[in-house]
N, C-alpha and C. Protein backbone atom coordinates (compact mmCIF):
# COMPACT_ATOMS: atom_id res chain seq x y z
N MET A 1 0.84 -1.18 0.00
CA MET A 1 0.00 0.00 0.00
C MET A 1 0.88 1.24 0.00
N SER A 2 0.50 2.19 -0.81
CA SER A 2 1.25 3.44 -0.84
C SER A 2 0.80 4.36 0.30
N GLY A 3 1.56 5.38 0.52
CA GLY A 3 1.23 6.33 1.58
C GLY A 3 -0.10 7.02 1.34
N SER A 4 -0.42 7.28 0.08
CA SER A 4 -1.68 7.92 -0.25
C SER A 4 -2.87 7.02 0.09
N SER A 5 -2.72 5.73 -0.17
CA SER A 5 -3.78 4.78 0.14
C SER A 5 -4.01 4.68 1.65
N VAL A 6 -2.93 4.68 2.39
CA VAL A 6 -3.04 4.62 3.84
C VAL A 6 -3.73 5.87 4.37
N LEU A 7 -3.41 7.02 3.80
CA LEU A 7 -4.03 8.27 4.20
C LEU A 7 -5.53 8.24 3.92
N VAL A 8 -5.93 7.75 2.77
CA VAL A 8 -7.34 7.69 2.42
C VAL A 8 -8.08 6.76 3.38
N VAL A 9 -7.51 5.59 3.65
CA VAL A 9 -8.15 4.65 4.58
C VAL A 9 -8.25 5.26 5.97
N GLY A 10 -7.21 5.95 6.40
CA GLY A 10 -7.25 6.61 7.71
C GLY A 10 -8.30 7.70 7.78
N LEU A 11 -8.42 8.50 6.74
CA LEU A 11 -9.43 9.56 6.73
C LEU A 11 -10.84 8.98 6.71
N LEU A 12 -11.03 7.89 5.97
CA LEU A 12 -12.35 7.26 5.95
C LEU A 12 -12.69 6.65 7.31
N ALA A 13 -11.72 6.04 7.97
CA ALA A 13 -11.96 5.50 9.31
C ALA A 13 -12.26 6.62 10.30
N LEU A 14 -11.51 7.71 10.22
CA LEU A 14 -11.75 8.85 11.10
C LEU A 14 -13.14 9.42 10.90
N SER A 15 -13.56 9.57 9.65
CA SER A 15 -14.90 10.11 9.41
C SER A 15 -15.96 9.15 9.92
N GLY A 16 -15.73 7.85 9.82
CA GLY A 16 -16.69 6.88 10.36
C GLY A 16 -16.83 7.00 11.87
N PHE A 17 -15.71 7.14 12.58
CA PHE A 17 -15.78 7.31 14.02
C PHE A 17 -16.47 8.62 14.39
N LEU A 18 -16.20 9.68 13.65
CA LEU A 18 -16.84 10.97 13.94
C LEU A 18 -18.34 10.92 13.67
N ILE A 19 -18.75 10.23 12.63
CA ILE A 19 -20.18 10.08 12.36
C ILE A 19 -20.84 9.29 13.47
N GLY A 20 -20.16 8.28 13.98
CA GLY A 20 -20.68 7.55 15.14
C GLY A 20 -20.84 8.46 16.36
N GLY A 21 -19.91 9.39 16.53
CA GLY A 21 -20.03 10.35 17.63
C GLY A 21 -21.21 11.28 17.44
N VAL A 22 -21.48 11.66 16.20
CA VAL A 22 -22.65 12.51 15.93
C VAL A 22 -23.92 11.79 16.33
N VAL A 23 -24.01 10.52 15.96
CA VAL A 23 -25.21 9.74 16.28
C VAL A 23 -25.38 9.60 17.79
N SER A 24 -24.29 9.37 18.51
CA SER A 24 -24.41 9.16 19.95
C SER A 24 -24.64 10.46 20.72
N PHE A 25 -24.12 11.59 20.23
CA PHE A 25 -24.27 12.86 20.95
C PHE A 25 -25.52 13.64 20.56
N TRP A 26 -26.21 13.28 19.49
CA TRP A 26 -27.28 14.11 18.95
C TRP A 26 -28.37 14.41 19.97
N SER A 27 -28.80 13.42 20.74
CA SER A 27 -29.91 13.65 21.66
C SER A 27 -29.46 14.38 22.93
N ARG A 28 -28.19 14.25 23.32
CA ARG A 28 -27.73 14.87 24.56
C ARG A 28 -27.15 16.26 24.36
N ASN A 29 -26.31 16.43 23.37
CA ASN A 29 -25.60 17.69 23.20
C ASN A 29 -25.48 17.99 21.70
N ARG A 30 -26.38 18.82 21.21
CA ARG A 30 -26.43 19.09 19.78
C ARG A 30 -25.24 19.91 19.30
N VAL A 31 -24.67 20.76 20.14
CA VAL A 31 -23.52 21.56 19.72
C VAL A 31 -22.33 20.65 19.45
N ALA A 32 -22.08 19.70 20.34
CA ALA A 32 -20.98 18.75 20.13
C ALA A 32 -21.23 17.91 18.89
N ALA A 33 -22.48 17.53 18.67
CA ALA A 33 -22.82 16.73 17.50
C ALA A 33 -22.58 17.50 16.21
N VAL A 34 -22.91 18.78 16.20
CA VAL A 34 -22.69 19.60 15.00
C VAL A 34 -21.18 19.76 14.73
N ILE A 35 -20.40 19.97 15.79
CA ILE A 35 -18.96 20.10 15.63
C ILE A 35 -18.36 18.80 15.09
N LEU A 36 -18.79 17.67 15.64
CA LEU A 36 -18.32 16.37 15.14
C LEU A 36 -18.76 16.15 13.69
N GLY A 37 -19.95 16.61 13.36
CA GLY A 37 -20.43 16.48 11.99
C GLY A 37 -19.59 17.28 11.00
N VAL A 38 -19.19 18.46 11.39
CA VAL A 38 -18.33 19.28 10.53
C VAL A 38 -16.97 18.63 10.36
N LEU A 39 -16.41 18.11 11.44
CA LEU A 39 -15.12 17.43 11.34
C LEU A 39 -15.22 16.17 10.48
N ALA A 40 -16.34 15.44 10.60
CA ALA A 40 -16.53 14.25 9.78
C ALA A 40 -16.63 14.62 8.31
N ALA A 41 -17.33 15.71 8.01
CA ALA A 41 -17.45 16.15 6.62
C ALA A 41 -16.09 16.56 6.05
N LEU A 42 -15.27 17.22 6.85
CA LEU A 42 -13.93 17.61 6.40
C LEU A 42 -13.06 16.38 6.14
N ALA A 43 -13.12 15.39 7.04
CA ALA A 43 -12.31 14.18 6.84
C ALA A 43 -12.79 13.40 5.62
N LEU A 44 -14.09 13.31 5.44
CA LEU A 44 -14.63 12.60 4.28
C LEU A 44 -14.30 13.35 3.00
N GLY A 45 -14.39 14.67 3.02
CA GLY A 45 -14.02 15.46 1.85
C GLY A 45 -12.55 15.32 1.50
N GLY A 46 -11.69 15.28 2.52
CA GLY A 46 -10.27 15.08 2.27
C GLY A 46 -9.98 13.71 1.66
N ALA A 47 -10.68 12.69 2.12
CA ALA A 47 -10.50 11.35 1.55
C ALA A 47 -10.94 11.31 0.10
N VAL A 48 -12.07 11.94 -0.19
CA VAL A 48 -12.57 11.94 -1.57
C VAL A 48 -11.63 12.71 -2.48
N LEU A 49 -11.11 13.83 -2.00
CA LEU A 49 -10.18 14.61 -2.83
C LEU A 49 -8.88 13.85 -3.08
N ARG A 50 -8.44 13.01 -2.13
CA ARG A 50 -7.24 12.21 -2.35
C ARG A 50 -7.50 11.11 -3.37
N LEU A 51 -8.76 10.66 -3.50
CA LEU A 51 -9.08 9.60 -4.44
C LEU A 51 -9.19 10.12 -5.87
N LEU A 52 -9.54 11.38 -6.03
CA LEU A 52 -9.69 11.93 -7.37
C LEU A 52 -8.33 12.13 -8.03
N PRO A 53 -8.25 11.84 -9.32
CA PRO A 53 -6.95 12.06 -10.00
C PRO A 53 -6.64 13.56 -10.10
N ALA A 54 -5.37 13.88 -10.06
CA ALA A 54 -4.95 15.29 -10.08
C ALA A 54 -5.16 15.94 -11.40
């Protein structure tokens, strides 16, 4: 695996964990859930941009 592939897999895993945090925090603390959602979107966007050819 190249370094780029490892980065993409890591970003996808990070976004998955952050999305799980959004689901668990949504009913208790909406501000934390929104912050986690923004971070998940950034990680997912970074992974998608690494997958696209330059």
